Amino acid sequence: MVKRRSIKIDILPTAKSDLQEIVDFIAQGSHKYAKLEKQLIINAISQLFDFPDLGKPFDYRSIDARQLVFKNYLIIYRYKTEDVLEILTVHHHARSISNNPAFTDED
């Protein structure tokens, strides 16, 4: 029998804000599809409970993180501890990563 390690996922305030901005933008056209897109993104994040190394390495400004590609989004996360993942941002690929508040010089 294989024992699974128990992973906790923390969605940081910046990522929560990103998700809300996505929902707000889509809701301008359709509240139904905004809710659906939010749920699909949350479902993608939930995959990390069972497969925390699912994403590819993300190399930007020497941040040790991983990126999970979902549709037009990069879900960028890192290990806070061995058993805790932090979702740093949900970033739309059409936007410049250098303008993302999750990667300010304070990191």
PDB file of N, CA and C in Angstrom:
ATOM      1  N   MET A   1       0.838  -1.177   0.000  1.00  0.00           N
ATOM      2  CA  MET A   1       0.000   0.000   0.000  1.00  0.00           C
ATOM      3  C   MET A   1       0.889   1.247   0.000  1.00  0.00           C
ATOM      4  N   VAL A   2       0.481   2.256  -0.784  1.00  0.00           N
ATOM      5  CA  VAL A   2       1.224   3.506  -0.866  1.00  0.00           C
ATOM      6  C   VAL A   2       0.527   4.534   0.003  1.00  0.00           C
ATOM      7  N   LYS A   3       1.283   5.141   0.886  1.00  0.00           N
ATOM      8  CA  LYS A   3       0.715   6.164   1.764  1.00  0.00           C
ATOM      9  C   LYS A   3       0.850   7.520   1.089  1.00  0.00           C
ATOM     10  N   ARG A   4      -0.263   8.241   0.960  1.00  0.00           N
ATOM     11  CA  ARG A   4      -0.242   9.589   0.394  1.00  0.00           C
ATOM     12  C   ARG A   4       0.120  10.585   1.467  1.00  0.00           C
ATOM     13  N   ARG A   5       0.859  11.553   1.055  1.00  0.00           N
ATOM     14  CA  ARG A   5       1.187  12.612   1.984  1.00  0.00           C
ATOM     15  C   ARG A   5       0.041  13.615   1.947  1.00  0.00           C
ATOM     16  N   SER A   6      -0.272  14.189   3.068  1.00  0.00           N
ATOM     17  CA  SER A   6      -1.376  15.128   3.176  1.00  0.00           C
ATOM     18  C   SER A   6      -0.883  16.538   2.851  1.00  0.00           C
ATOM     19  N   ILE A   7      -1.447  17.124   1.810  1.00  0.00           N
ATOM     20  CA  ILE A   7      -1.044  18.455   1.357  1.00  0.00           C
ATOM     21  C   ILE A   7      -2.121  19.462   1.734  1.00  0.00           C
ATOM     22  N   LYS A   8      -1.686  20.605   2.190  1.00  0.00           N
ATOM     23  CA  LYS A   8      -2.585  21.731   2.443  1.00  0.00           C
ATOM     24  C   LYS A   8      -2.264  22.792   1.393  1.00  0.00           C
ATOM     25  N   ILE A   9      -3.300  23.479   0.909  1.00  0.00           N
ATOM     26  CA  ILE A   9      -3.104  24.522  -0.088  1.00  0.00           C
ATOM     27  C   ILE A   9      -3.592  25.849   0.476  1.00  0.00           C
ATOM     28  N   ASP A  10      -2.689  26.825   0.515  1.00  0.00           N
ATOM     29  CA  ASP A  10      -3.028  28.191   0.918  1.00  0.00           C
ATOM     30  C   ASP A  10      -3.093  29.053  -0.332  1.00  0.00           C
ATOM     31  N   ILE A  11      -4.225  29.704  -0.526  1.00  0.00           N
ATOM     32  CA  ILE A  11      -4.353  30.631  -1.647  1.00  0.00           C
ATOM     33  C   ILE A  11      -4.070  32.023  -1.100  1.00  0.00           C
ATOM     34  N   LEU A  12      -2.958  32.596  -1.526  1.00  0.00           N
ATOM     35  CA  LEU A  12      -2.532  33.895  -1.001  1.00  0.00           C
ATOM     36  C   LEU A  12      -3.464  35.009  -1.471  1.00  0.00           C
ATOM     37  N   PRO A  13      -3.507  36.126  -0.737  1.00  0.00           N
ATOM     38  CA  PRO A  13      -4.397  37.233  -1.103  1.00  0.00           C
ATOM     39  C   PRO A  13      -4.244  37.711  -2.548  1.00  0.00           C
ATOM     40  N   THR A  14      -3.033  37.729  -3.062  1.00  0.00           N
ATOM     41  CA  THR A  14      -2.827  38.153  -4.441  1.00  0.00           C
ATOM     42  C   THR A  14      -3.539  37.202  -5.407  1.00  0.00           C
ATOM     43  N   ALA A  15      -3.458  35.909  -5.157  1.00  0.00           N
ATOM     44  CA  ALA A  15      -4.121  34.929  -6.014  1.00  0.00           C
ATOM     45  C   ALA A  15      -5.640  35.039  -5.886  1.00  0.00           C
ATOM     46  N   LYS A  16      -6.129  35.294  -4.678  1.00  0.00           N
ATOM     47  CA  LYS A  16      -7.572  35.492  -4.495  1.00  0.00           C
ATOM     48  C   LYS A  16      -8.042  36.716  -5.275  1.00  0.00           C
ATOM     49  N   SER A  17      -7.253  37.767  -5.229  1.00  0.00           N
ATOM     50  CA  SER A  17      -7.569  38.978  -5.981  1.00  0.00           C
ATOM     51  C   SER A  17      -7.550  38.704  -7.485  1.00  0.00           C
ATOM     52  N   ASP A  18      -6.560  37.945  -7.946  1.00  0.00           N
ATOM     53  CA  ASP A  18      -6.488  37.568  -9.362  1.00  0.00           C
ATOM     54  C   ASP A  18      -7.753  36.839  -9.787  1.00  0.00           C
ATOM     55  N   LEU A  19      -8.155  35.880  -8.979  1.00  0.00           N
ATOM     56  CA  LEU A  19      -9.335  35.089  -9.299  1.00  0.00           C
ATOM     57  C   LEU A  19     -10.589  35.978  -9.354  1.00  0.00           C
ATOM     58  N   GLN A  20     -10.691  36.910  -8.417  1.00  0.00           N
ATOM     59  CA  GLN A  20     -11.840  37.811  -8.419  1.00  0.00           C
ATOM     60  C   GLN A  20     -11.835  38.715  -9.652  1.00  0.00           C
ATOM     61  N   GLU A  21     -10.675  39.181 -10.056  1.00  0.00           N
ATOM     62  CA  GLU A  21     -10.575  40.004 -11.269  1.00  0.00           C
ATOM     63  C   GLU A  21     -10.995  39.224 -12.506  1.00  0.00           C
ATOM     64  N   ILE A  22     -10.616  37.960 -12.562  1.00  0.00           N
ATOM     65  CA  ILE A  22     -11.023  37.109 -13.682  1.00  0.00           C
ATOM     66  C   ILE A  22     -12.542  36.972 -13.706  1.00  0.00           C
ATOM     67  N   VAL A  23     -13.118  36.684 -12.552  1.00  0.00           N
ATOM     68  CA  VAL A  23     -14.571  36.528 -12.448  1.00  0.00           C
ATOM     69  C   VAL A  23     -15.276  37.828 -12.832  1.00  0.00           C
ATOM     70  N   ASP A  24     -14.789  38.945 -12.311  1.00  0.00           N
ATOM     71  CA  ASP A  24     -15.409  40.240 -12.610  1.00  0.00           C
ATOM     72  C   ASP A  24     -15.356  40.553 -14.105  1.00  0.00           C
ATOM     73  N   PHE A  25     -14.233  40.249 -14.734  1.00  0.00           N
ATOM     74  CA  PHE A  25     -14.090  40.519 -16.158  1.00  0.00           C
ATOM     75  C   PHE A  25     -15.064  39.670 -16.980  1.00  0.00           C
ATOM     76  N   ILE A  26     -15.112  38.388 -16.691  1.00  0.00           N
ATOM     77  CA  ILE A  26     -16.001  37.497 -17.438  1.00  0.00           C
ATOM     78  C   ILE A  26     -17.464  37.838 -17.165  1.00  0.00           C
ATOM     79  N   ALA A  27     -17.761  38.255 -15.935  1.00  0.00           N
ATOM     80  CA  ALA A  27     -19.137  38.589 -15.556  1.00  0.00           C
ATOM     81  C   ALA A  27     -19.687  39.775 -16.334  1.00  0.00           C
ATOM     82  N   GLN A  28     -18.820  40.584 -16.896  1.00  0.00           N
ATOM     83  CA  GLN A  28     -19.286  41.687 -17.730  1.00  0.00           C
ATOM     84  C   GLN A  28     -20.082  41.159 -18.918  1.00  0.00           C
ATOM     85  N   GLY A  29     -19.760  39.965 -19.341  1.00  0.00           N
ATOM     86  CA  GLY A  29     -20.470  39.341 -20.459  1.00  0.00           C
ATOM     87  C   GLY A  29     -21.468  38.298 -20.010  1.00  0.00           C
ATOM     88  N   SER A  30     -21.130  37.567 -18.940  1.00  0.00           N
ATOM     89  CA  SER A  30     -22.007  36.490 -18.489  1.00  0.00           C
ATOM     90  C   SER A  30     -21.670  36.087 -17.056  1.00  0.00           C
ATOM     91  N   HIS A  31     -22.629  36.256 -16.161  1.00  0.00           N
ATOM     92  CA  HIS A  31     -22.423  35.815 -14.769  1.00  0.00           C
ATOM     93  C   HIS A  31     -22.318  34.294 -14.700  1.00  0.00           C
ATOM     94  N   LYS A  32     -23.083  33.624 -15.542  1.00  0.00           N
ATOM     95  CA  LYS A  32     -23.062  32.159 -15.574  1.00  0.00           C
ATOM     96  C   LYS A  32     -21.663  31.649 -15.908  1.00  0.00           C
ATOM     97  N   TYR A  33     -21.059  32.189 -16.965  1.00  0.00           N
ATOM     98  CA  TYR A  33     -19.736  31.714 -17.373  1.00  0.00           C
ATOM     99  C   TYR A  33     -18.636  32.181 -16.422  1.00  0.00           C
ATOM    100  N   ALA A  34     -18.852  33.298 -15.763  1.00  0.00           N
ATOM    101  CA  ALA A  34     -17.890  33.753 -14.755  1.00  0.00           C
ATOM    102  C   ALA A  34     -17.832  32.757 -13.602  1.00  0.00           C
ATOM    103  N   LYS A  35     -18.992  32.318 -13.135  1.00  0.00           N
ATOM    104  CA  LYS A  35     -19.043  31.329 -12.046  1.00  0.00           C
ATOM    105  C   LYS A  35     -18.441  29.999 -12.494  1.00  0.00           C
ATOM    106  N   LEU A  36     -18.742  29.624 -13.730  1.00  0.00           N
ATOM    107  CA  LEU A  36     -18.207  28.374 -14.258  1.00  0.00           C
ATOM    108  C   LEU A  36     -16.682  28.427 -14.352  1.00  0.00           C
ATOM    109  N   GLU A  37     -16.148  29.516 -14.874  1.00  0.00           N
ATOM    110  CA  GLU A  37     -14.687  29.647 -15.014  1.00  0.00           C
ATOM    111  C   GLU A  37     -14.003  29.611 -13.644  1.00  0.00           C
ATOM    112  N   LYS A  38     -14.611  30.272 -12.667  1.00  0.00           N
ATOM    113  CA  LYS A  38     -14.051  30.250 -11.311  1.00  0.00           C
ATOM    114  C   LYS A  38     -13.989  28.816 -10.792  1.00  0.00           C
ATOM    115  N   GLN A  39     -15.068  28.068 -10.980  1.00  0.00           N
ATOM    116  CA  GLN A  39     -15.093  26.685 -10.504  1.00  0.00           C
ATOM    117  C   GLN A  39     -14.067  25.824 -11.225  1.00  0.00           C
ATOM    118  N   LEU A  40     -13.909  26.044 -12.519  1.00  0.00           N
ATOM    119  CA  LEU A  40     -12.918  25.278 -13.280  1.00  0.00           C
ATOM    120  C   LEU A  40     -11.492  25.573 -12.811  1.00  0.00           C
ATOM    121  N   ILE A  41     -11.218  26.829 -12.495  1.00  0.00           N
ATOM    122  CA  ILE A  41      -9.885  27.190 -11.983  1.00  0.00           C
ATOM    123  C   ILE A  41      -9.662  26.547 -10.619  1.00  0.00           C
ATOM    124  N   ILE A  42     -10.674  26.589  -9.765  1.00  0.00           N
ATOM    125  CA  ILE A  42     -10.565  25.959  -8.437  1.00  0.00           C
ATOM    126  C   ILE A  42     -10.352  24.451  -8.594  1.00  0.00           C
ATOM    127  N   ASN A  43     -11.049  23.841  -9.537  1.00  0.00           N
ATOM    128  CA  ASN A  43     -10.853  22.408  -9.794  1.00  0.00           C
ATOM    129  C   ASN A  43      -9.423  22.113 -10.237  1.00  0.00           C
ATOM    130  N   ALA A  44      -8.869  22.984 -11.067  1.00  0.00           N
ATOM    131  CA  ALA A  44      -7.477  22.799 -11.510  1.00  0.00           C
ATOM    132  C   ALA A  44      -6.531  22.887 -10.319  1.00  0.00           C
ATOM    133  N   ILE A  45      -6.757  23.859  -9.463  1.00  0.00           N
ATOM    134  CA  ILE A  45      -5.934  23.993  -8.255  1.00  0.00           C
ATOM    135  C   ILE A  45      -6.075  22.760  -7.368  1.00  0.00           C
ATOM    136  N   SER A  46      -7.280  22.231  -7.274  1.00  0.00           N
ATOM    137  CA  SER A  46      -7.539  21.067  -6.416  1.00  0.00           C
ATOM    138  C   SER A  46      -6.752  19.828  -6.839  1.00  0.00           C
ATOM    139  N   GLN A  47      -6.362  19.754  -8.103  1.00  0.00           N
ATOM    140  CA  GLN A  47      -5.534  18.633  -8.553  1.00  0.00           C
ATOM    141  C   GLN A  47      -4.231  18.547  -7.769  1.00  0.00           C
ATOM    142  N   LEU A  48      -3.787  19.692  -7.260  1.00  0.00           N
ATOM    143  CA  LEU A  48      -2.518  19.736  -6.540  1.00  0.00           C
ATOM    144  C   LEU A  48      -2.564  18.995  -5.210  1.00  0.00           C
ATOM    145  N   PHE A  49      -3.769  18.755  -4.664  1.00  0.00           N
ATOM    146  CA  PHE A  49      -3.876  17.957  -3.442  1.00  0.00           C
ATOM    147  C   PHE A  49      -3.291  16.566  -3.666  1.00  0.00           C
ATOM    148  N   ASP A  50      -3.596  15.978  -4.807  1.00  0.00           N
ATOM    149  CA  ASP A  50      -3.112  14.625  -5.109  1.00  0.00           C
ATOM    150  C   ASP A  50      -1.807  14.608  -5.892  1.00  0.00           C
ATOM    151  N   PHE A  51      -1.563  15.679  -6.652  1.00  0.00           N
ATOM    152  CA  PHE A  51      -0.376  15.725  -7.517  1.00  0.00           C
ATOM    153  C   PHE A  51       0.335  17.074  -7.342  1.00  0.00           C
ATOM    154  N   PRO A  52       0.978  17.297  -6.206  1.00  0.00           N
ATOM    155  CA  PRO A  52       1.573  18.615  -5.941  1.00  0.00           C
ATOM    156  C   PRO A  52       2.708  19.012  -6.892  1.00  0.00           C
ATOM    157  N   ASP A  53       3.297  18.054  -7.564  1.00  0.00           N
ATOM    158  CA  ASP A  53       4.370  18.371  -8.509  1.00  0.00           C
ATOM    159  C   ASP A  53       3.872  18.352  -9.952  1.00  0.00           C
ATOM    160  N   LEU A  54       2.567  18.492 -10.129  1.00  0.00           N
ATOM    161  CA  LEU A  54       1.964  18.432 -11.445  1.00  0.00           C
ATOM    162  C   LEU A  54       2.498  19.512 -12.389  1.00  0.00           C
ATOM    163  N   GLY A  55       2.699  20.706 -11.869  1.00  0.00           N
ATOM    164  CA  GLY A  55       3.174  21.811 -12.699  1.00  0.00           C
ATOM    165  C   GLY A  55       4.641  21.694 -13.053  1.00  0.00           C
ATOM    166  N   LYS A  56       5.018  22.481 -14.055  1.00  0.00           N
ATOM    167  CA  LYS A  56       6.416  22.537 -14.468  1.00  0.00           C
ATOM    168  C   LYS A  56       7.148  23.593 -13.643  1.00  0.00           C
ATOM    169  N   PRO A  57       8.463  23.489 -13.533  1.00  0.00           N
ATOM    170  CA  PRO A  57       9.217  24.534 -12.829  1.00  0.00           C
ATOM    171  C   PRO A  57       8.972  25.909 -13.447  1.00  0.00           C
ATOM    172  N   PHE A  58       8.875  26.889 -12.601  1.00  0.00           N
ATOM    173  CA  PHE A  58       8.641  28.276 -13.010  1.00  0.00           C
ATOM    174  C   PHE A  58       9.866  29.065 -12.603  1.00  0.00           C
ATOM    175  N   ASP A  59      10.553  29.603 -13.569  1.00  0.00           N
ATOM    176  CA  ASP A  59      11.778  30.332 -13.275  1.00  0.00           C
ATOM    177  C   ASP A  59      11.607  31.797 -13.662  1.00  0.00           C
ATOM    178  N   TYR A  60      11.382  32.612 -12.653  1.00  0.00           N
ATOM    179  CA  TYR A  60      11.243  34.042 -12.871  1.00  0.00           C
ATOM    180  C   TYR A  60      11.783  34.737 -11.630  1.00  0.00           C
ATOM    181  N   ARG A  61      12.729  35.630 -11.826  1.00  0.00           N
ATOM    182  CA  ARG A  61      13.337  36.374 -10.717  1.00  0.00           C
ATOM    183  C   ARG A  61      13.811  35.465  -9.586  1.00  0.00           C
ATOM    184  N   SER A  62      14.332  34.328  -9.951  1.00  0.00           N
ATOM    185  CA  SER A  62      14.893  33.364  -8.996  1.00  0.00           C
ATOM    186  C   SER A  62      13.881  32.897  -7.944  1.00  0.00           C
ATOM    187  N   ILE A  63      12.605  32.923  -8.302  1.00  0.00           N
ATOM    188  CA  ILE A  63      11.571  32.413  -7.402  1.00  0.00           C
ATOM    189  C   ILE A  63      11.479  30.910  -7.630  1.00  0.00           C
ATOM    190  N   ASP A  64      11.607  30.149  -6.566  1.00  0.00           N
ATOM    191  CA  ASP A  64      11.507  28.698  -6.657  1.00  0.00           C
ATOM    192  C   ASP A  64      10.032  28.330  -6.596  1.00  0.00           C
ATOM    193  N   ALA A  65       9.425  28.159  -7.762  1.00  0.00           N
ATOM    194  CA  ALA A  65       7.998  27.886  -7.833  1.00  0.00           C
ATOM    195  C   ALA A  65       7.719  26.946  -8.997  1.00  0.00           C
ATOM    196  N   ARG A  66       6.452  26.585  -9.127  1.00  0.00           N
ATOM    197  CA  ARG A  66       5.991  25.735 -10.217  1.00  0.00           C
ATOM    198  C   ARG A  66       4.811  26.426 -10.887  1.00  0.00           C
ATOM    199  N   GLN A  67       4.571  26.081 -12.144  1.00  0.00           N
ATOM    200  CA  GLN A  67       3.436  26.651 -12.863  1.00  0.00           C
ATOM    201  C   GLN A  67       2.568  25.533 -13.419  1.00  0.00           C
ATOM    202  N   LEU A  68       1.295  25.637 -13.107  1.00  0.00           N
ATOM    203  CA  LEU A  68       0.310  24.723 -13.641  1.00  0.00           C
ATOM    204  C   LEU A  68      -0.443  25.483 -14.720  1.00  0.00           C
ATOM    205  N   VAL A  69      -0.380  24.994 -15.937  1.00  0.00           N
ATOM    206  CA  VAL A  69      -1.067  25.651 -17.047  1.00  0.00           C
ATOM    207  C   VAL A  69      -2.495  25.134 -17.090  1.00  0.00           C
ATOM    208  N   PHE A  70      -3.439  26.065 -17.075  1.00  0.00           N
ATOM    209  CA  PHE A  70      -4.850  25.731 -17.208  1.00  0.00           C
ATOM    210  C   PHE A  70      -5.489  26.751 -18.137  1.00  0.00           C
ATOM    211  N   LYS A  71      -5.955  26.276 -19.270  1.00  0.00           N
ATOM    212  CA  LYS A  71      -6.528  27.150 -20.298  1.00  0.00           C
ATOM    213  C   LYS A  71      -5.535  28.273 -20.599  1.00  0.00           C
ATOM    214  N   ASN A  72      -5.979  29.516 -20.418  1.00  0.00           N
ATOM    215  CA  ASN A  72      -5.111  30.673 -20.685  1.00  0.00           C
ATOM    216  C   ASN A  72      -4.437  31.200 -19.426  1.00  0.00           C
ATOM    217  N   TYR A  73      -4.400  30.410 -18.392  1.00  0.00           N
ATOM    218  CA  TYR A  73      -3.880  30.865 -17.099  1.00  0.00           C
ATOM    219  C   TYR A  73      -2.658  30.068 -16.677  1.00  0.00           C
ATOM    220  N   LEU A  74      -1.803  30.755 -15.955  1.00  0.00           N
ATOM    221  CA  LEU A  74      -0.709  30.103 -15.245  1.00  0.00           C
ATOM    222  C   LEU A  74      -1.066  30.176 -13.765  1.00  0.00           C
ATOM    223  N   ILE A  75      -1.208  29.039 -13.151  1.00  0.00           N
ATOM    224  CA  ILE A  75      -1.421  28.973 -11.702  1.00  0.00           C
ATOM    225  C   ILE A  75      -0.036  28.744 -11.123  1.00  0.00           C
ATOM    226  N   ILE A  76       0.493  29.765 -10.489  1.00  0.00           N
ATOM    227  CA  ILE A  76       1.871  29.706 -10.014  1.00  0.00           C
ATOM    228  C   ILE A  76       1.854  29.459  -8.508  1.00  0.00           C
ATOM    229  N   TYR A  77       2.588  28.430  -8.103  1.00  0.00           N
ATOM    230  CA  TYR A  77       2.574  28.010  -6.712  1.00  0.00           C
ATOM    231  C   TYR A  77       3.964  27.556  -6.284  1.00  0.00           C
ATOM    232  N   ARG A  78       4.134  27.470  -4.985  1.00  0.00           N
ATOM    233  CA  ARG A  78       5.412  26.985  -4.442  1.00  0.00           C
ATOM    234  C   ARG A  78       5.148  26.260  -3.136  1.00  0.00           C
ATOM    235  N   TYR A  79       6.125  25.500  -2.743  1.00  0.00           N
ATOM    236  CA  TYR A  79       6.067  24.843  -1.441  1.00  0.00           C
ATOM    237  C   TYR A  79       6.423  25.870  -0.367  1.00  0.00           C
ATOM    238  N   LYS A  80       5.551  26.036   0.586  1.00  0.00           N
ATOM    239  CA  LYS A  80       5.859  26.856   1.761  1.00  0.00           C
ATOM    240  C   LYS A  80       6.619  25.976   2.756  1.00  0.00           C
ATOM    241  N   THR A  81       6.105  24.769   2.945  1.00  0.00           N
ATOM    242  CA  THR A  81       6.773  23.719   3.709  1.00  0.00           C
ATOM    243  C   THR A  81       6.606  22.441   2.909  1.00  0.00           C
ATOM    244  N   GLU A  82       7.093  21.352   3.419  1.00  0.00           N
ATOM    245  CA  GLU A  82       6.982  20.076   2.718  1.00  0.00           C
ATOM    246  C   GLU A  82       5.527  19.697   2.451  1.00  0.00           C
ATOM    247  N   ASP A  83       4.620  20.107   3.332  1.00  0.00           N
ATOM    248  CA  ASP A  83       3.223  19.704   3.224  1.00  0.00           C
ATOM    249  C   ASP A  83       2.259  20.852   2.942  1.00  0.00           C
ATOM    250  N   VAL A  84       2.785  22.039   2.665  1.00  0.00           N
ATOM    251  CA  VAL A  84       1.928  23.198   2.403  1.00  0.00           C
ATOM    252  C   VAL A  84       2.348  23.861   1.095  1.00  0.00           C
ATOM    253  N   LEU A  85       1.376  23.990   0.183  1.00  0.00           N
ATOM    254  CA  LEU A  85       1.589  24.720  -1.058  1.00  0.00           C
ATOM    255  C   LEU A  85       0.947  26.091  -0.938  1.00  0.00           C
ATOM    256  N   GLU A  86       1.597  27.092  -1.522  1.00  0.00           N
ATOM    257  CA  GLU A  86       1.032  28.436  -1.605  1.00  0.00           C
ATOM    258  C   GLU A  86       0.710  28.732  -3.061  1.00  0.00           C
ATOM    259  N   ILE A  87      -0.520  29.150  -3.327  1.00  0.00           N
ATOM    260  CA  ILE A  87      -0.865  29.618  -4.661  1.00  0.00           C
ATOM    261  C   ILE A  87      -0.495  31.088  -4.684  1.00  0.00           C
ATOM    262  N   LEU A  88       0.492  31.451  -5.485  1.00  0.00           N
ATOM    263  CA  LEU A  88       0.985  32.824  -5.534  1.00  0.00           C
ATOM    264  C   LEU A  88       0.107  33.711  -6.406  1.00  0.00           C
ATOM    265  N   THR A  89      -0.301  33.168  -7.556  1.00  0.00           N
ATOM    266  CA  THR A  89      -1.067  33.976  -8.499  1.00  0.00           C
ATOM    267  C   THR A  89      -1.796  33.076  -9.490  1.00  0.00           C
ATOM    268  N   VAL A  90      -2.877  33.602 -10.025  1.00  0.00           N
ATOM    269  CA  VAL A  90      -3.555  33.004 -11.167  1.00  0.00           C
ATOM    270  C   VAL A  90      -3.410  34.049 -12.261  1.00  0.00           C
ATOM    271  N   HIS A  91      -2.491  33.795 -13.168  1.00  0.00           N
ATOM    272  CA  HIS A  91      -2.045  34.813 -14.113  1.00  0.00           C
ATOM    273  C   HIS A  91      -2.523  34.503 -15.526  1.00  0.00           C
ATOM    274  N   HIS A  92      -3.194  35.457 -16.157  1.00  0.00           N
ATOM    275  CA  HIS A  92      -3.610  35.279 -17.550  1.00  0.00           C
ATOM    276  C   HIS A  92      -2.385  35.454 -18.452  1.00  0.00           C
ATOM    277  N   HIS A  93      -2.191  34.535 -19.376  1.00  0.00           N
ATOM    278  CA  HIS A  93      -0.973  34.524 -20.182  1.00  0.00           C
ATOM    279  C   HIS A  93      -0.813  35.768 -21.056  1.00  0.00           C
ATOM    280  N   ALA A  94      -1.901  36.468 -21.359  1.00  0.00           N
ATOM    281  CA  ALA A  94      -1.795  37.645 -22.231  1.00  0.00           C
ATOM    282  C   ALA A  94      -1.239  38.867 -21.500  1.00  0.00           C
ATOM    283  N   ARG A  95      -1.211  38.804 -20.189  1.00  0.00           N
ATOM    284  CA  ARG A  95      -0.697  39.924 -19.406  1.00  0.00           C
ATOM    285  C   ARG A  95       0.796  39.735 -19.154  1.00  0.00           C
ATOM    286  N   SER A  96       1.477  40.834 -18.946  1.00  0.00           N
ATOM    287  CA  SER A  96       2.908  40.774 -18.684  1.00  0.00           C
ATOM    288  C   SER A  96       3.161  40.287 -17.261  1.00  0.00           C
ATOM    289  N   ILE A  97       3.973  39.265 -17.125  1.00  0.00           N
ATOM    290  CA  ILE A  97       4.292  38.720 -15.799  1.00  0.00           C
ATOM    291  C   ILE A  97       5.048  39.744 -14.958  1.00  0.00           C
ATOM    292  N   SER A  98       5.768  40.643 -15.603  1.00  0.00           N
ATOM    293  CA  SER A  98       6.543  41.636 -14.857  1.00  0.00           C
ATOM    294  C   SER A  98       5.651  42.634 -14.121  1.00  0.00           C
ATOM    295  N   ASN A  99       4.386  42.755 -14.532  1.00  0.00           N
ATOM    296  CA  ASN A  99       3.450  43.652 -13.854  1.00  0.00           C
ATOM    297  C   ASN A  99       2.631  42.959 -12.780  1.00  0.00           C
ATOM    298  N   ASN A 100       2.862  41.690 -12.576  1.00  0.00           N
ATOM    299  CA  ASN A 100       2.076  40.936 -11.606  1.00  0.00           C
ATOM    300  C   ASN A 100       2.508  41.287 -10.187  1.00  0.00           C
ATOM    301  N   PRO A 101       1.555  41.708  -9.339  1.00  0.00           N
ATOM    302  CA  PRO A 101       1.910  42.101  -7.968  1.00  0.00           C
ATOM    303  C   PRO A 101       2.469  40.967  -7.114  1.00  0.00           C
ATOM    304  N   ALA A 102       2.275  39.726  -7.521  1.00  0.00           N
ATOM    305  CA  ALA A 102       2.835  38.613  -6.760  1.00  0.00           C
ATOM    306  C   ALA A 102       4.352  38.564  -6.849  1.00  0.00           C
ATOM    307  N   PHE A 103       4.927  39.274  -7.825  1.00  0.00           N
ATOM    308  CA  PHE A 103       6.371  39.219  -8.037  1.00  0.00           C
ATOM    309  C   PHE A 103       7.019  40.578  -7.900  1.00  0.00           C
ATOM    310  N   THR A 104       6.609  41.320  -6.899  1.00  0.00           N
ATOM    311  CA  THR A 104       7.243  42.602  -6.643  1.00  0.00           C
ATOM    312  C   THR A 104       8.621  42.361  -6.038  1.00  0.00           C
ATOM    313  N   ASP A 105       9.395  43.401  -5.940  1.00  0.00           N
ATOM    314  CA  ASP A 105      10.751  43.270  -5.394  1.00  0.00           C
ATOM    315  C   ASP A 105      10.781  42.898  -3.933  1.00  0.00           C
ATOM    316  N   GLU A 106       9.613  42.918  -3.264  1.00  0.00           N
ATOM    317  CA  GLU A 106       9.567  42.577  -1.848  1.00  0.00           C
ATOM    318  C   GLU A 106       9.733  41.095  -1.623  1.00  0.00           C
ATOM    319  N   ASP A 107       9.555  40.250  -2.683  1.00  0.00           N
ATOM    320  CA  ASP A 107       9.727  38.794  -2.538  1.00  0.00           C
ATOM    321  C   ASP A 107      11.178  38.430  -2.378  1.00  0.00           C
TER     322      ASP A 107
END
